[in-house]
Amino acid sequence: MTTKTQPSTPELTKRVHLGTSTYGTPKPSVELTAPNGTHHRILKARLHQLAAEVELASIGESWVVVLDAFAERSGCIYLELVHGTAEEAKRAMDVLERVAGERSAQG
């Protein structure tokens, strides 16, 4: 019987950010950046894991959780808000900060 060892999971850099969509509405997001040499599947798996945690932490909300893998070393989860109000954006940022364990950046 042969066994394969799983690659070690590197620590990813997380950045919670409140940006603006192309429509001018708030766009809460969490960006993940992996160290050099990280396999793209590890990054994608972590993005899926984070997206699932956001979904489970916001069952009562109507926003859409979107996963976007930019390149080999980075990707993000962002929320498409239904109403785009300041109150909804604050609730979304609270969820992202709690799930990602990070404080937010404005801009």
PDB file of N, CA and C in Angstrom:
ATOM      1  N   MET A   1       0.845  -1.169   0.000  1.00  0.00           N
ATOM      2  CA  MET A   1       0.000   0.000   0.000  1.00  0.00           C
ATOM      3  C   MET A   1       0.893   1.236   0.000  1.00  0.00           C
ATOM      4  N   THR A   2       0.588   2.154  -0.885  1.00  0.00           N
ATOM      5  CA  THR A   2       1.346   3.405  -0.920  1.00  0.00           C
ATOM      6  C   THR A   2       0.478   4.533  -0.395  1.00  0.00           C
ATOM      7  N   THR A   3       1.116   5.465   0.233  1.00  0.00           N
ATOM      8  CA  THR A   3       0.391   6.636   0.725  1.00  0.00           C
ATOM      9  C   THR A   3       1.044   7.881   0.173  1.00  0.00           C
ATOM     10  N   LYS A   4       0.210   8.834  -0.141  1.00  0.00           N
ATOM     11  CA  LYS A   4       0.721  10.118  -0.614  1.00  0.00           C
ATOM     12  C   LYS A   4       0.582  11.121   0.517  1.00  0.00           C
ATOM     13  N   THR A   5       1.594  11.912   0.667  1.00  0.00           N
ATOM     14  CA  THR A   5       1.499  12.949   1.684  1.00  0.00           C
ATOM     15  C   THR A   5       0.870  14.183   1.059  1.00  0.00           C
ATOM     16  N   GLN A   6       0.039  14.829   1.811  1.00  0.00           N
ATOM     17  CA  GLN A   6      -0.588  16.069   1.358  1.00  0.00           C
ATOM     18  C   GLN A   6       0.423  17.195   1.467  1.00  0.00           C
ATOM     19  N   PRO A   7       0.411  18.133   0.495  1.00  0.00           N
ATOM     20  CA  PRO A   7       1.321  19.265   0.612  1.00  0.00           C
ATOM     21  C   PRO A   7       0.946  20.111   1.819  1.00  0.00           C
ATOM     22  N   SER A   8       1.936  20.697   2.438  1.00  0.00           N
ATOM     23  CA  SER A   8       1.635  21.545   3.585  1.00  0.00           C
ATOM     24  C   SER A   8       0.851  22.760   3.108  1.00  0.00           C
ATOM     25  N   THR A   9      -0.052  23.217   3.940  1.00  0.00           N
ATOM     26  CA  THR A   9      -0.875  24.368   3.588  1.00  0.00           C
ATOM     27  C   THR A   9      -0.181  25.627   4.073  1.00  0.00           C
ATOM     28  N   PRO A  10       0.247  26.478   3.145  1.00  0.00           N
ATOM     29  CA  PRO A  10       0.948  27.699   3.542  1.00  0.00           C
ATOM     30  C   PRO A  10      -0.017  28.715   4.141  1.00  0.00           C
ATOM     31  N   GLU A  11       0.525  29.620   4.897  1.00  0.00           N
ATOM     32  CA  GLU A  11      -0.273  30.697   5.462  1.00  0.00           C
ATOM     33  C   GLU A  11      -0.520  31.731   4.377  1.00  0.00           C
ATOM     34  N   LEU A  12      -1.787  32.037   4.131  1.00  0.00           N
ATOM     35  CA  LEU A  12      -2.147  33.021   3.123  1.00  0.00           C
ATOM     36  C   LEU A  12      -2.350  34.380   3.773  1.00  0.00           C
ATOM     37  N   THR A  13      -2.022  35.426   3.043  1.00  0.00           N
ATOM     38  CA  THR A  13      -2.268  36.785   3.513  1.00  0.00           C
ATOM     39  C   THR A  13      -3.705  37.143   3.171  1.00  0.00           C
ATOM     40  N   LYS A  14      -4.456  37.660   4.155  1.00  0.00           N
ATOM     41  CA  LYS A  14      -5.852  38.046   3.950  1.00  0.00           C
ATOM     42  C   LYS A  14      -5.981  39.556   4.100  1.00  0.00           C
ATOM     43  N   ARG A  15      -6.790  40.147   3.248  1.00  0.00           N
ATOM     44  CA  ARG A  15      -7.053  41.585   3.331  1.00  0.00           C
ATOM     45  C   ARG A  15      -8.542  41.812   3.117  1.00  0.00           C
ATOM     46  N   VAL A  16      -9.233  42.287   4.159  1.00  0.00           N
ATOM     47  CA  VAL A  16     -10.649  42.626   4.060  1.00  0.00           C
ATOM     48  C   VAL A  16     -10.730  44.071   3.592  1.00  0.00           C
ATOM     49  N   HIS A  17     -11.572  44.299   2.578  1.00  0.00           N
ATOM     50  CA  HIS A  17     -11.573  45.603   1.918  1.00  0.00           C
ATOM     51  C   HIS A  17     -13.000  45.988   1.529  1.00  0.00           C
ATOM     52  N   LEU A  18     -13.339  47.266   1.701  1.00  0.00           N
ATOM     53  CA  LEU A  18     -14.617  47.785   1.211  1.00  0.00           C
ATOM     54  C   LEU A  18     -14.324  48.694   0.036  1.00  0.00           C
ATOM     55  N   GLY A  19     -14.578  48.195  -1.153  1.00  0.00           N
ATOM     56  CA  GLY A  19     -14.359  48.967  -2.372  1.00  0.00           C
ATOM     57  C   GLY A  19     -15.683  49.422  -2.953  1.00  0.00           C
ATOM     58  N   THR A  20     -15.648  49.790  -4.215  1.00  0.00           N
ATOM     59  CA  THR A  20     -16.835  50.247  -4.928  1.00  0.00           C
ATOM     60  C   THR A  20     -16.961  49.453  -6.221  1.00  0.00           C
ATOM     61  N   SER A  21     -18.168  48.978  -6.497  1.00  0.00           N
ATOM     62  CA  SER A  21     -18.405  48.222  -7.729  1.00  0.00           C
ATOM     63  C   SER A  21     -18.431  49.170  -8.924  1.00  0.00           C
ATOM     64  N   THR A  22     -18.487  48.605 -10.114  1.00  0.00           N
ATOM     65  CA  THR A  22     -18.567  49.433 -11.325  1.00  0.00           C
ATOM     66  C   THR A  22     -19.876  50.215 -11.381  1.00  0.00           C
ATOM     67  N   TYR A  23     -20.851  49.828 -10.580  1.00  0.00           N
ATOM     68  CA  TYR A  23     -22.137  50.530 -10.527  1.00  0.00           C
ATOM     69  C   TYR A  23     -22.178  51.582  -9.428  1.00  0.00           C
ATOM     70  N   GLY A  24     -21.082  51.730  -8.709  1.00  0.00           N
ATOM     71  CA  GLY A  24     -21.016  52.731  -7.649  1.00  0.00           C
ATOM     72  C   GLY A  24     -21.543  52.274  -6.307  1.00  0.00           C
ATOM     73  N   THR A  25     -21.854  50.990  -6.171  1.00  0.00           N
ATOM     74  CA  THR A  25     -22.345  50.468  -4.901  1.00  0.00           C
ATOM     75  C   THR A  25     -21.187  49.880  -4.095  1.00  0.00           C
ATOM     76  N   PRO A  26     -21.363  49.753  -2.781  1.00  0.00           N
ATOM     77  CA  PRO A  26     -20.295  49.165  -1.963  1.00  0.00           C
ATOM     78  C   PRO A  26     -19.996  47.725  -2.405  1.00  0.00           C
ATOM     79  N   LYS A  27     -18.715  47.365  -2.348  1.00  0.00           N
ATOM     80  CA  LYS A  27     -18.282  46.017  -2.742  1.00  0.00           C
ATOM     81  C   LYS A  27     -17.344  45.462  -1.666  1.00  0.00           C
ATOM     82  N   PRO A  28     -17.903  44.807  -0.639  1.00  0.00           N
ATOM     83  CA  PRO A  28     -17.077  44.191   0.399  1.00  0.00           C
ATOM     84  C   PRO A  28     -16.341  42.978  -0.161  1.00  0.00           C
ATOM     85  N   SER A  29     -15.078  42.819   0.230  1.00  0.00           N
ATOM     86  CA  SER A  29     -14.306  41.691  -0.291  1.00  0.00           C
ATOM     87  C   SER A  29     -13.216  41.259   0.676  1.00  0.00           C
ATOM     88  N   VAL A  30     -12.750  40.043   0.468  1.00  0.00           N
ATOM     89  CA  VAL A  30     -11.569  39.514   1.151  1.00  0.00           C
ATOM     90  C   VAL A  30     -10.631  39.037   0.058  1.00  0.00           C
ATOM     91  N   GLU A  31      -9.424  39.583   0.037  1.00  0.00           N
ATOM     92  CA  GLU A  31      -8.426  39.160  -0.943  1.00  0.00           C
ATOM     93  C   GLU A  31      -7.430  38.235  -0.257  1.00  0.00           C
ATOM     94  N   LEU A  32      -7.105  37.131  -0.914  1.00  0.00           N
ATOM     95  CA  LEU A  32      -6.110  36.184  -0.412  1.00  0.00           C
ATOM     96  C   LEU A  32      -4.901  36.200  -1.335  1.00  0.00           C
ATOM     97  N   THR A  33      -3.715  36.231  -0.737  1.00  0.00           N
ATOM     98  CA  THR A  33      -2.473  36.158  -1.497  1.00  0.00           C
ATOM     99  C   THR A  33      -1.632  35.035  -0.912  1.00  0.00           C
ATOM    100  N   ALA A  34      -1.150  34.177  -1.783  1.00  0.00           N
ATOM    101  CA  ALA A  34      -0.352  33.028  -1.364  1.00  0.00           C
ATOM    102  C   ALA A  34       1.130  33.308  -1.573  1.00  0.00           C
ATOM    103  N   PRO A  35       1.993  32.690  -0.775  1.00  0.00           N
ATOM    104  CA  PRO A  35       3.437  32.831  -0.974  1.00  0.00           C
ATOM    105  C   PRO A  35       3.873  32.205  -2.299  1.00  0.00           C
ATOM    106  N   ASN A  36       5.015  32.636  -2.794  1.00  0.00           N
ATOM    107  CA  ASN A  36       5.594  32.043  -4.007  1.00  0.00           C
ATOM    108  C   ASN A  36       5.705  30.538  -3.841  1.00  0.00           C
ATOM    109  N   GLY A  37       5.437  29.818  -4.907  1.00  0.00           N
ATOM    110  CA  GLY A  37       5.570  28.372  -4.882  1.00  0.00           C
ATOM    111  C   GLY A  37       4.336  27.631  -4.412  1.00  0.00           C
ATOM    112  N   THR A  38       3.291  28.351  -4.017  1.00  0.00           N
ATOM    113  CA  THR A  38       2.063  27.703  -3.566  1.00  0.00           C
ATOM    114  C   THR A  38       1.306  27.164  -4.778  1.00  0.00           C
ATOM    115  N   HIS A  39       0.886  25.929  -4.697  1.00  0.00           N
ATOM    116  CA  HIS A  39       0.128  25.324  -5.795  1.00  0.00           C
ATOM    117  C   HIS A  39      -1.221  26.030  -5.923  1.00  0.00           C
ATOM    118  N   HIS A  40      -1.663  26.262  -7.151  1.00  0.00           N
ATOM    119  CA  HIS A  40      -2.913  26.993  -7.377  1.00  0.00           C
ATOM    120  C   HIS A  40      -4.121  26.278  -6.779  1.00  0.00           C
ATOM    121  N   ARG A  41      -4.059  24.968  -6.661  1.00  0.00           N
ATOM    122  CA  ARG A  41      -5.189  24.243  -6.072  1.00  0.00           C
ATOM    123  C   ARG A  41      -5.340  24.546  -4.582  1.00  0.00           C
ATOM    124  N   ILE A  42      -4.247  24.801  -3.908  1.00  0.00           N
ATOM    125  CA  ILE A  42      -4.326  25.166  -2.491  1.00  0.00           C
ATOM    126  C   ILE A  42      -5.034  26.502  -2.353  1.00  0.00           C
ATOM    127  N   LEU A  43      -4.658  27.470  -3.184  1.00  0.00           N
ATOM    128  CA  LEU A  43      -5.315  28.779  -3.140  1.00  0.00           C
ATOM    129  C   LEU A  43      -6.803  28.637  -3.449  1.00  0.00           C
ATOM    130  N   LYS A  44      -7.144  27.904  -4.504  1.00  0.00           N
ATOM    131  CA  LYS A  44      -8.555  27.744  -4.863  1.00  0.00           C
ATOM    132  C   LYS A  44      -9.335  27.042  -3.759  1.00  0.00           C
ATOM    133  N   ALA A  45      -8.735  26.036  -3.138  1.00  0.00           N
ATOM    134  CA  ALA A  45      -9.413  25.334  -2.046  1.00  0.00           C
ATOM    135  C   ALA A  45      -9.678  26.276  -0.878  1.00  0.00           C
ATOM    136  N   ARG A  46      -8.696  27.109  -0.553  1.00  0.00           N
ATOM    137  CA  ARG A  46      -8.882  28.064   0.546  1.00  0.00           C
ATOM    138  C   ARG A  46      -9.949  29.102   0.199  1.00  0.00           C
ATOM    139  N   LEU A  47     -10.012  29.532  -1.073  1.00  0.00           N
ATOM    140  CA  LEU A  47     -11.063  30.461  -1.500  1.00  0.00           C
ATOM    141  C   LEU A  47     -12.440  29.819  -1.355  1.00  0.00           C
ATOM    142  N   HIS A  48     -12.565  28.561  -1.776  1.00  0.00           N
ATOM    143  CA  HIS A  48     -13.843  27.855  -1.637  1.00  0.00           C
ATOM    144  C   HIS A  48     -14.220  27.688  -0.167  1.00  0.00           C
ATOM    145  N   GLN A  49     -13.227  27.364   0.659  1.00  0.00           N
ATOM    146  CA  GLN A  49     -13.476  27.199   2.086  1.00  0.00           C
ATOM    147  C   GLN A  49     -13.961  28.512   2.699  1.00  0.00           C
ATOM    148  N   LEU A  50     -13.298  29.604   2.365  1.00  0.00           N
ATOM    149  CA  LEU A  50     -13.690  30.912   2.888  1.00  0.00           C
ATOM    150  C   LEU A  50     -15.082  31.293   2.398  1.00  0.00           C
ATOM    151  N   ALA A  51     -15.375  31.056   1.118  1.00  0.00           N
ATOM    152  CA  ALA A  51     -16.697  31.371   0.569  1.00  0.00           C
ATOM    153  C   ALA A  51     -17.785  30.578   1.295  1.00  0.00           C
ATOM    154  N   ALA A  52     -17.520  29.310   1.576  1.00  0.00           N
ATOM    155  CA  ALA A  52     -18.489  28.483   2.300  1.00  0.00           C
ATOM    156  C   ALA A  52     -18.720  29.021   3.707  1.00  0.00           C
ATOM    157  N   GLU A  53     -17.658  29.448   4.373  1.00  0.00           N
ATOM    158  CA  GLU A  53     -17.792  30.011   5.719  1.00  0.00           C
ATOM    159  C   GLU A  53     -18.610  31.298   5.689  1.00  0.00           C
ATOM    160  N   VAL A  54     -18.411  32.129   4.664  1.00  0.00           N
ATOM    161  CA  VAL A  54     -19.192  33.365   4.528  1.00  0.00           C
ATOM    162  C   VAL A  54     -20.661  33.020   4.287  1.00  0.00           C
ATOM    163  N   GLU A  55     -20.926  32.049   3.416  1.00  0.00           N
ATOM    164  CA  GLU A  55     -22.309  31.627   3.160  1.00  0.00           C
ATOM    165  C   GLU A  55     -22.980  31.181   4.459  1.00  0.00           C
ATOM    166  N   LEU A  56     -22.298  30.346   5.229  1.00  0.00           N
ATOM    167  CA  LEU A  56     -22.879  29.828   6.466  1.00  0.00           C
ATOM    168  C   LEU A  56     -23.050  30.903   7.529  1.00  0.00           C
ATOM    169  N   ALA A  57     -22.200  31.919   7.504  1.00  0.00           N
ATOM    170  CA  ALA A  57     -22.276  32.994   8.499  1.00  0.00           C
ATOM    171  C   ALA A  57     -23.301  34.061   8.129  1.00  0.00           C
ATOM    172  N   SER A  58     -23.909  33.947   6.945  1.00  0.00           N
ATOM    173  CA  SER A  58     -24.844  34.995   6.508  1.00  0.00           C
ATOM    174  C   SER A  58     -26.109  34.404   5.890  1.00  0.00           C
ATOM    175  N   ILE A  59     -26.620  33.359   6.504  1.00  0.00           N
ATOM    176  CA  ILE A  59     -27.790  32.664   5.967  1.00  0.00           C
ATOM    177  C   ILE A  59     -28.996  33.589   5.836  1.00  0.00           C
ATOM    178  N   GLY A  60     -29.182  34.533   6.730  1.00  0.00           N
ATOM    179  CA  GLY A  60     -30.332  35.430   6.683  1.00  0.00           C
ATOM    180  C   GLY A  60     -30.203  36.578   5.697  1.00  0.00           C
ATOM    181  N   GLU A  61     -29.086  36.676   5.018  1.00  0.00           N
ATOM    182  CA  GLU A  61     -28.858  37.779   4.069  1.00  0.00           C
ATOM    183  C   GLU A  61     -29.188  37.342   2.644  1.00  0.00           C
ATOM    184  N   SER A  62     -29.388  38.325   1.766  1.00  0.00           N
ATOM    185  CA  SER A  62     -29.740  38.028   0.370  1.00  0.00           C
ATOM    186  C   SER A  62     -28.610  38.272  -0.612  1.00  0.00           C
ATOM    187  N   TRP A  63     -27.452  38.714  -0.114  1.00  0.00           N
ATOM    188  CA  TRP A  63     -26.359  39.013  -1.043  1.00  0.00           C
ATOM    189  C   TRP A  63     -25.817  37.740  -1.682  1.00  0.00           C
ATOM    190  N   VAL A  64     -25.042  37.925  -2.749  1.00  0.00           N
ATOM    191  CA  VAL A  64     -24.444  36.810  -3.478  1.00  0.00           C
ATOM    192  C   VAL A  64     -22.956  36.766  -3.149  1.00  0.00           C
ATOM    193  N   VAL A  65     -22.461  35.589  -2.784  1.00  0.00           N
ATOM    194  CA  VAL A  65     -21.039  35.397  -2.500  1.00  0.00           C
ATOM    195  C   VAL A  65     -20.367  34.922  -3.792  1.00  0.00           C
ATOM    196  N   VAL A  66     -19.363  35.679  -4.239  1.00  0.00           N
ATOM    197  CA  VAL A  66     -18.688  35.385  -5.505  1.00  0.00           C
ATOM    198  C   VAL A  66     -17.221  35.080  -5.234  1.00  0.00           C
ATOM    199  N   LEU A  67     -16.721  34.043  -5.864  1.00  0.00           N
ATOM    200  CA  LEU A  67     -15.317  33.640  -5.744  1.00  0.00           C
ATOM    201  C   LEU A  67     -14.620  33.981  -7.055  1.00  0.00           C
ATOM    202  N   ASP A  68     -13.450  34.609  -6.956  1.00  0.00           N
ATOM    203  CA  ASP A  68     -12.698  34.987  -8.153  1.00  0.00           C
ATOM    204  C   ASP A  68     -11.220  34.694  -7.926  1.00  0.00           C
ATOM    205  N   ALA A  69     -10.672  33.744  -8.696  1.00  0.00           N
ATOM    206  CA  ALA A  69      -9.237  33.444  -8.628  1.00  0.00           C
ATOM    207  C   ALA A  69      -8.551  34.238  -9.728  1.00  0.00           C
ATOM    208  N   PHE A  70      -7.711  35.211  -9.338  1.00  0.00           N
ATOM    209  CA  PHE A  70      -7.086  36.117 -10.306  1.00  0.00           C
ATOM    210  C   PHE A  70      -5.942  35.459 -11.057  1.00  0.00           C
ATOM    211  N   ALA A  71      -5.055  34.857 -10.337  1.00  0.00           N
ATOM    212  CA  ALA A  71      -3.839  34.296 -10.915  1.00  0.00           C
ATOM    213  C   ALA A  71      -3.375  33.164 -10.009  1.00  0.00           C
ATOM    214  N   GLU A  72      -2.182  32.695 -10.240  1.00  0.00           N
ATOM    215  CA  GLU A  72      -1.672  31.596  -9.427  1.00  0.00           C
ATOM    216  C   GLU A  72      -1.580  31.935  -7.948  1.00  0.00           C
ATOM    217  N   ARG A  73      -1.306  33.190  -7.622  1.00  0.00           N
ATOM    218  CA  ARG A  73      -1.012  33.524  -6.228  1.00  0.00           C
ATOM    219  C   ARG A  73      -2.066  34.355  -5.526  1.00  0.00           C
ATOM    220  N   SER A  74      -3.146  34.766  -6.194  1.00  0.00           N
ATOM    221  CA  SER A  74      -4.130  35.592  -5.501  1.00  0.00           C
ATOM    222  C   SER A  74      -5.540  35.342  -6.009  1.00  0.00           C
ATOM    223  N   GLY A  75      -6.482  35.707  -5.179  1.00  0.00           N
ATOM    224  CA  GLY A  75      -7.891  35.585  -5.510  1.00  0.00           C
ATOM    225  C   GLY A  75      -8.699  36.301  -4.458  1.00  0.00           C
ATOM    226  N   CYS A  76     -10.008  36.373  -4.655  1.00  0.00           N
ATOM    227  CA  CYS A  76     -10.828  37.056  -3.659  1.00  0.00           C
ATOM    228  C   CYS A  76     -12.223  36.455  -3.598  1.00  0.00           C
ATOM    229  N   ILE A  77     -12.867  36.774  -2.505  1.00  0.00           N
ATOM    230  CA  ILE A  77     -14.282  36.534  -2.304  1.00  0.00           C
ATOM    231  C   ILE A  77     -14.887  37.924  -2.209  1.00  0.00           C
ATOM    232  N   TYR A  78     -15.928  38.195  -2.976  1.00  0.00           N
ATOM    233  CA  TYR A  78     -16.605  39.478  -2.806  1.00  0.00           C
ATOM    234  C   TYR A  78     -18.101  39.249  -2.741  1.00  0.00           C
ATOM    235  N   LEU A  79     -18.792  40.233  -2.189  1.00  0.00           N
ATOM    236  CA  LEU A  79     -20.231  40.124  -2.006  1.00  0.00           C
ATOM    237  C   LEU A  79     -20.942  41.099  -2.927  1.00  0.00           C
ATOM    238  N   GLU A  80     -21.886  40.591  -3.701  1.00  0.00           N
ATOM    239  CA  GLU A  80     -22.759  41.441  -4.503  1.00  0.00           C
ATOM    240  C   GLU A  80     -23.969  41.743  -3.631  1.00  0.00           C
ATOM    241  N   LEU A  81     -24.035  42.976  -3.151  1.00  0.00           N
ATOM    242  CA  LEU A  81     -25.103  43.367  -2.247  1.00  0.00           C
ATOM    243  C   LEU A  81     -26.412  43.552  -3.011  1.00  0.00           C
ATOM    244  N   VAL A  82     -27.528  43.239  -2.358  1.00  0.00           N
ATOM    245  CA  VAL A  82     -28.837  43.356  -2.992  1.00  0.00           C
ATOM    246  C   VAL A  82     -29.301  44.799  -3.021  1.00  0.00           C
ATOM    247  N   HIS A  83     -29.159  45.497  -1.898  1.00  0.00           N
ATOM    248  CA  HIS A  83     -29.657  46.869  -1.793  1.00  0.00           C
ATOM    249  C   HIS A  83     -28.551  47.905  -1.938  1.00  0.00           C
ATOM    250  N   GLY A  84     -27.344  47.548  -1.602  1.00  0.00           N
ATOM    251  CA  GLY A  84     -26.216  48.469  -1.726  1.00  0.00           C
ATOM    252  C   GLY A  84     -26.231  49.617  -0.736  1.00  0.00           C
ATOM    253  N   THR A  85     -26.944  49.445   0.366  1.00  0.00           N
ATOM    254  CA  THR A  85     -27.014  50.499   1.376  1.00  0.00           C
ATOM    255  C   THR A  85     -25.807  50.434   2.304  1.00  0.00           C
ATOM    256  N   ALA A  86     -25.596  51.520   3.028  1.00  0.00           N
ATOM    257  CA  ALA A  86     -24.502  51.566   3.998  1.00  0.00           C
ATOM    258  C   ALA A  86     -24.712  50.516   5.091  1.00  0.00           C
ATOM    259  N   GLU A  87     -25.963  50.304   5.490  1.00  0.00           N
ATOM    260  CA  GLU A  87     -26.263  49.324   6.534  1.00  0.00           C
ATOM    261  C   GLU A  87     -25.940  47.903   6.066  1.00  0.00           C
ATOM    262  N   GLU A  88     -26.316  47.588   4.820  1.00  0.00           N
ATOM    263  CA  GLU A  88     -26.023  46.261   4.282  1.00  0.00           C
ATOM    264  C   GLU A  88     -24.514  46.063   4.134  1.00  0.00           C
ATOM    265  N   ALA A  89     -23.826  47.109   3.688  1.00  0.00           N
ATOM    266  CA  ALA A  89     -22.365  47.037   3.543  1.00  0.00           C
ATOM    267  C   ALA A  89     -21.701  46.804   4.896  1.00  0.00           C
ATOM    268  N   LYS A  90     -22.211  47.462   5.942  1.00  0.00           N
ATOM    269  CA  LYS A  90     -21.640  47.273   7.285  1.00  0.00           C
ATOM    270  C   LYS A  90     -21.849  45.839   7.762  1.00  0.00           C
ATOM    271  N   ARG A  91     -23.048  45.301   7.558  1.00  0.00           N
ATOM    272  CA  ARG A  91     -23.302  43.908   7.949  1.00  0.00           C
ATOM    273  C   ARG A  91     -22.379  42.958   7.186  1.00  0.00           C
ATOM    274  N   ALA A  92     -22.204  43.221   5.902  1.00  0.00           N
ATOM    275  CA  ALA A  92     -21.333  42.381   5.075  1.00  0.00           C
ATOM    276  C   ALA A  92     -19.892  42.445   5.562  1.00  0.00           C
ATOM    277  N   MET A  93     -19.414  43.652   5.851  1.00  0.00           N
ATOM    278  CA  MET A  93     -18.042  43.800   6.340  1.00  0.00           C
ATOM    279  C   MET A  93     -17.868  43.103   7.682  1.00  0.00           C
ATOM    280  N   ASP A  94     -18.872  43.200   8.545  1.00  0.00           N
ATOM    281  CA  ASP A  94     -18.805  42.514   9.840  1.00  0.00           C
ATOM    282  C   ASP A  94     -18.645  41.004   9.645  1.00  0.00           C
ATOM    283  N   VAL A  95     -19.406  40.432   8.713  1.00  0.00           N
ATOM    284  CA  VAL A  95     -19.307  38.994   8.434  1.00  0.00           C
ATOM    285  C   VAL A  95     -17.924  38.653   7.891  1.00  0.00           C
ATOM    286  N   LEU A  96     -17.451  39.423   6.905  1.00  0.00           N
ATOM    287  CA  LEU A  96     -16.142  39.135   6.310  1.00  0.00           C
ATOM    288  C   LEU A  96     -15.019  39.249   7.336  1.00  0.00           C
ATOM    289  N   GLU A  97     -15.072  40.286   8.176  1.00  0.00           N
ATOM    290  CA  GLU A  97     -14.035  40.459   9.203  1.00  0.00           C
ATOM    291  C   GLU A  97     -14.055  39.313  10.200  1.00  0.00           C
ATOM    292  N   ARG A  98     -15.250  38.890  10.586  1.00  0.00           N
ATOM    293  CA  ARG A  98     -15.361  37.795  11.555  1.00  0.00           C
ATOM    294  C   ARG A  98     -14.841  36.488  10.944  1.00  0.00           C
ATOM    295  N   VAL A  99     -15.243  36.187   9.733  1.00  0.00           N
ATOM    296  CA  VAL A  99     -14.836  34.936   9.088  1.00  0.00           C
ATOM    297  C   VAL A  99     -13.347  34.939   8.745  1.00  0.00           C
ATOM    298  N   ALA A 100     -12.861  36.056   8.225  1.00  0.00           N
ATOM    299  CA  ALA A 100     -11.448  36.131   7.825  1.00  0.00           C
ATOM    300  C   ALA A 100     -10.526  36.422   8.996  1.00  0.00           C
ATOM    301  N   GLY A 101     -11.079  36.930  10.090  1.00  0.00           N
ATOM    302  CA  GLY A 101     -10.255  37.250  11.248  1.00  0.00           C
ATOM    303  C   GLY A 101      -9.359  38.448  11.026  1.00  0.00           C
ATOM    304  N   GLU A 102      -9.791  39.394  10.200  1.00  0.00           N
ATOM    305  CA  GLU A 102      -8.981  40.573   9.863  1.00  0.00           C
ATOM    306  C   GLU A 102      -9.791  41.844  10.068  1.00  0.00           C
ATOM    307  N   ARG A 103      -9.078  42.945  10.234  1.00  0.00           N
ATOM    308  CA  ARG A 103      -9.713  44.264  10.245  1.00  0.00           C
ATOM    309  C   ARG A 103      -9.730  44.790   8.821  1.00  0.00           C
ATOM    310  N   SER A 104     -10.671  45.664   8.527  1.00  0.00           N
ATOM    311  CA  SER A 104     -10.884  46.099   7.147  1.00  0.00           C
ATOM    312  C   SER A 104     -10.031  47.287   6.737  1.00  0.00           C
ATOM    313  N   ALA A 105      -9.937  47.452   5.413  1.00  0.00           N
ATOM    314  CA  ALA A 105      -9.304  48.619   4.793  1.00  0.00           C
ATOM    315  C   ALA A 105     -10.371  49.314   3.967  1.00  0.00           C
ATOM    316  N   GLN A 106     -10.445  50.609   4.030  1.00  0.00           N
ATOM    317  CA  GLN A 106     -11.425  51.375   3.260  1.00  0.00           C
ATOM    318  C   GLN A 106     -10.794  51.844   1.971  1.00  0.00           C
ATOM    319  N   GLY A 107     -11.614  51.996   0.913  1.00  0.00           N
ATOM    320  CA  GLY A 107     -11.090  52.553  -0.324  1.00  0.00           C
ATOM    321  C   GLY A 107     -11.681  52.007  -1.480  1.00  0.00           C
TER     322      GLY A 107
END
